[in-house]
N, C-alpha and C. Protein backbone atom coordinates (compact mmCIF):
# COMPACT_ATOMS: atom_id res chain seq x y z
N MET A 1 -3.58 -25.27 -84.91
CA MET A 1 -3.15 -24.20 -83.91
C MET A 1 -3.91 -22.92 -84.39
N LYS A 2 -4.12 -22.39 -85.54
CA LYS A 2 -4.88 -21.96 -85.96
C LYS A 2 -6.25 -21.65 -86.22
N THR A 3 -6.91 -22.88 -86.11
CA THR A 3 -8.13 -23.11 -85.98
C THR A 3 -8.62 -23.03 -84.38
N ARG A 4 -7.41 -23.27 -83.83
CA ARG A 4 -8.22 -23.14 -82.23
C ARG A 4 -8.22 -21.75 -81.49
N MET A 5 -7.71 -20.97 -82.11
CA MET A 5 -7.16 -19.36 -82.00
C MET A 5 -8.60 -18.19 -83.04
N VAL A 6 -8.84 -19.12 -84.30
CA VAL A 6 -10.27 -18.41 -84.75
C VAL A 6 -11.46 -18.95 -83.57
N ALA A 7 -11.20 -20.15 -83.47
CA ALA A 7 -12.43 -20.55 -82.81
C ALA A 7 -12.71 -19.97 -81.08
N TYR A 8 -11.05 -19.28 -80.47
CA TYR A 8 -11.29 -18.85 -79.48
C TYR A 8 -11.67 -16.92 -79.12
N ARG A 9 -11.26 -16.75 -80.77
CA ARG A 9 -11.33 -15.43 -80.95
C ARG A 9 -12.91 -14.98 -80.80
N ALA A 10 -13.80 -16.20 -81.70
CA ALA A 10 -15.10 -16.00 -81.87
C ALA A 10 -16.01 -16.49 -81.01
N GLN A 11 -15.59 -17.12 -80.01
CA GLN A 11 -16.41 -17.99 -79.17
C GLN A 11 -16.12 -17.35 -77.75
N THR A 12 -14.99 -16.94 -77.63
CA THR A 12 -14.59 -17.13 -76.23
C THR A 12 -14.03 -15.63 -75.81
N GLU A 13 -13.20 -14.88 -76.40
CA GLU A 13 -12.39 -13.51 -76.41
C GLU A 13 -14.05 -12.31 -75.90
N PRO A 14 -15.36 -13.05 -76.78
CA PRO A 14 -16.31 -11.94 -76.76
C PRO A 14 -16.95 -11.89 -75.33
N LEU A 15 -16.58 -13.06 -74.68
CA LEU A 15 -17.72 -12.95 -73.38
C LEU A 15 -16.11 -12.44 -71.90
N LEU A 16 -14.85 -12.10 -72.48
CA LEU A 16 -14.45 -11.15 -71.41
C LEU A 16 -14.86 -9.95 -70.98
N PRO A 17 -15.14 -8.83 -71.76
CA PRO A 17 -16.05 -7.80 -71.56
C PRO A 17 -17.22 -7.93 -70.86
N TYR A 18 -18.29 -9.15 -70.97
CA TYR A 18 -19.00 -9.57 -70.37
C TYR A 18 -18.83 -9.45 -68.78
N TYR A 19 -18.19 -10.90 -68.49
CA TYR A 19 -18.01 -11.38 -67.43
C TYR A 19 -17.01 -9.88 -66.50
N GLY A 20 -16.08 -9.22 -67.25
CA GLY A 20 -15.32 -8.15 -66.68
C GLY A 20 -16.37 -7.00 -65.70
N ALA A 21 -17.48 -6.56 -66.76
CA ALA A 21 -18.22 -5.46 -66.49
C ALA A 21 -19.10 -5.98 -65.36
N ARG A 22 -19.35 -7.52 -65.09
CA ARG A 22 -19.82 -7.88 -64.06
C ARG A 22 -18.95 -8.08 -62.57
N GLY A 23 -17.99 -7.84 -62.66
CA GLY A 23 -16.89 -8.00 -61.85
C GLY A 23 -16.35 -9.84 -61.08
N VAL A 24 -16.96 -10.56 -62.22
CA VAL A 24 -16.46 -11.68 -61.68
C VAL A 24 -15.52 -12.59 -62.79
N LEU A 25 -14.94 -11.56 -63.12
CA LEU A 25 -13.82 -12.35 -64.11
C LEU A 25 -12.81 -12.01 -63.73
N ARG A 26 -11.85 -13.55 -63.64
CA ARG A 26 -10.85 -13.59 -62.72
C ARG A 26 -9.53 -13.93 -63.90
N LYS A 27 -8.03 -13.43 -63.96
CA LYS A 27 -7.26 -13.51 -64.69
C LYS A 27 -6.34 -14.25 -63.86
N VAL A 28 -5.52 -15.39 -64.71
CA VAL A 28 -4.51 -16.15 -63.82
C VAL A 28 -3.20 -15.99 -65.08
N ASP A 29 -2.21 -16.12 -64.82
CA ASP A 29 -0.97 -15.80 -65.46
C ASP A 29 -0.22 -17.35 -66.15
N GLY A 30 -1.03 -17.83 -66.79
CA GLY A 30 -0.66 -19.03 -67.64
C GLY A 30 0.73 -19.25 -68.07
N MET A 31 1.48 -18.01 -67.91
CA MET A 31 2.75 -18.27 -68.70
C MET A 31 3.86 -18.38 -67.82
N ALA A 32 3.25 -18.00 -66.19
CA ALA A 32 4.09 -18.13 -64.86
C ALA A 32 4.50 -19.55 -64.69
N PRO A 33 5.01 -20.30 -63.81
CA PRO A 33 5.91 -21.50 -63.46
C PRO A 33 3.91 -22.42 -63.25
N MET A 34 4.76 -23.55 -63.30
CA MET A 34 3.11 -24.28 -63.66
C MET A 34 2.57 -24.52 -61.92
N ASP A 35 3.77 -24.55 -60.67
CA ASP A 35 3.17 -24.32 -59.08
C ASP A 35 2.51 -23.46 -59.38
N GLU A 36 2.72 -22.28 -59.08
CA GLU A 36 2.21 -20.82 -59.36
C GLU A 36 0.94 -20.78 -60.17
N VAL A 37 0.62 -20.89 -61.50
CA VAL A 37 -0.14 -21.27 -61.71
C VAL A 37 -1.29 -21.95 -61.05
N TYR A 38 -0.97 -23.13 -60.50
CA TYR A 38 -2.26 -23.86 -59.88
C TYR A 38 -2.05 -23.32 -58.34
N ARG A 39 -1.32 -22.27 -57.97
CA ARG A 39 -1.68 -21.43 -56.71
C ARG A 39 -2.52 -20.78 -57.19
N GLN A 40 -2.63 -19.90 -58.23
CA GLN A 40 -3.51 -18.87 -58.79
C GLN A 40 -4.80 -19.46 -58.82
N ILE A 41 -5.04 -20.36 -59.67
CA ILE A 41 -6.28 -21.13 -60.30
C ILE A 41 -6.91 -21.62 -58.73
N SER A 42 -5.92 -22.28 -57.69
CA SER A 42 -6.88 -22.88 -56.79
C SER A 42 -7.41 -22.05 -55.98
N GLY A 43 -6.67 -20.80 -56.15
CA GLY A 43 -7.15 -19.27 -54.97
C GLY A 43 -8.47 -18.71 -55.55
N VAL A 44 -8.57 -19.18 -56.86
CA VAL A 44 -9.76 -18.28 -57.85
C VAL A 44 -10.99 -19.05 -57.36
N LEU A 45 -10.70 -20.48 -57.50
CA LEU A 45 -12.24 -21.38 -57.10
C LEU A 45 -12.08 -21.70 -55.51
N SER A 46 -11.19 -21.39 -54.85
CA SER A 46 -11.80 -21.35 -53.55
C SER A 46 -12.39 -19.85 -52.73
N GLY A 47 -12.20 -18.69 -54.04
CA GLY A 47 -12.31 -17.22 -53.33
C GLY A 47 -11.67 -16.75 -52.34
N ALA A 48 -10.42 -17.28 -52.49
CA ALA A 48 -9.33 -16.34 -52.06
C ALA A 48 -8.97 -15.32 -52.86
């Protein structure tokens, strides 16, 4: 887990401000129940 978090902070996290500033960043609550996460992801992918 530690290795994965180091990779996330180095490679993925820096992209958040870039896409956020362009208005294309979409957030999904990954801690919500699985059916809710699925609904949110489906909505993002369908453009809803």
